[in-house]
Amino acid sequence: MRKVTDCREYPSETKCALALSGEPEEVDRATSDLAISVHGHADGQEIREQIGAGLRDEPTQLA
């Protein structure tokens, strides 16, 4: 199941509006990189756990 995260759902000084979706490992890695490089979070287990807990299943698209 694809996962999704949306920066607009979290308070941010950068006002980031990026949304990411994909396989869980891809979204987790990309979101961690974004949190560190753009949002200024320190790299570490705590931020990675928060990100993993915040991933949601991508809604099913109806044709």
Protein backbone atom coordinates (compact mmCIF):
# COMPACT_ATOMS: atom_id res chain seq x y z
CA MET A 1 0.00 0.00 0.00
CA ARG A 2 1.36 3.42 -0.99
CA LYS A 3 1.91 5.97 1.77
CA VAL A 4 1.47 9.73 1.78
CA THR A 5 2.59 12.70 3.87
CA ASP A 6 1.76 16.38 3.45
CA CYS A 7 3.83 19.19 4.96
CA ARG A 8 0.76 21.45 5.08
CA GLU A 9 -0.57 19.30 7.93
CA TYR A 10 2.30 20.27 10.23
CA PRO A 11 3.31 23.67 11.63
CA SER A 12 6.34 25.03 9.81
CA GLU A 13 8.22 28.30 9.62
CA THR A 14 9.04 27.52 5.99
CA LYS A 15 5.35 27.26 5.01
CA CYS A 16 6.26 24.17 2.98
CA ALA A 17 3.39 22.84 0.86
CA LEU A 18 5.07 19.69 -0.42
CA ALA A 19 3.13 16.42 -0.44
CA LEU A 20 4.88 13.10 -1.03
CA SER A 21 3.45 9.71 -1.93
CA GLY A 22 4.98 6.38 -2.84
CA GLU A 23 6.19 3.15 -1.35
CA PRO A 24 6.65 3.40 2.44
CA GLU A 25 10.47 3.30 2.34
CA GLU A 26 10.60 5.98 -0.38
CA VAL A 27 8.29 8.37 1.43
CA ASP A 28 10.03 7.78 4.76
CA ARG A 29 13.46 8.51 3.26
CA ALA A 30 12.33 11.56 1.26
CA THR A 31 10.39 13.01 4.19
CA SER A 32 13.38 12.54 6.51
CA ASP A 33 15.66 14.30 4.02
CA LEU A 34 13.16 17.16 3.66
CA ALA A 35 12.70 17.53 7.43
CA ILE A 36 16.45 17.85 7.90
CA SER A 37 17.45 19.92 4.86
CA VAL A 38 14.45 22.25 4.53
CA HIS A 39 12.68 22.29 7.87
CA GLY A 40 15.87 22.38 9.96
CA HIS A 41 15.23 19.34 12.15
CA ALA A 42 18.22 17.55 13.62
CA ASP A 43 18.92 14.13 12.12
CA GLY A 44 18.21 11.41 14.60
CA GLN A 45 16.01 8.55 15.68
CA GLU A 46 13.34 10.83 17.20
CA ILE A 47 12.50 12.69 13.98
CA ARG A 48 12.57 9.47 11.97
CA GLU A 49 10.12 7.82 14.39
CA GLN A 50 7.80 10.85 14.21
CA ILE A 51 7.88 10.75 10.43
CA GLY A 52 7.17 7.02 10.31
CA ALA A 53 4.24 7.42 12.68
CA GLY A 54 2.81 10.25 10.55
CA LEU A 55 2.67 8.39 7.25
CA ARG A 56 -0.85 7.59 6.08
CA ASP A 57 -2.23 5.20 3.51
CA GLU A 58 -2.76 6.92 0.19
CA PRO A 59 -6.47 7.25 -0.61
CA THR A 60 -7.67 4.98 -3.38
CA GLN A 61 -8.31 6.86 -6.61
CA LEU A 62 -11.61 6.03 -8.23
CA ALA A 63 -11.63 5.92 -12.02
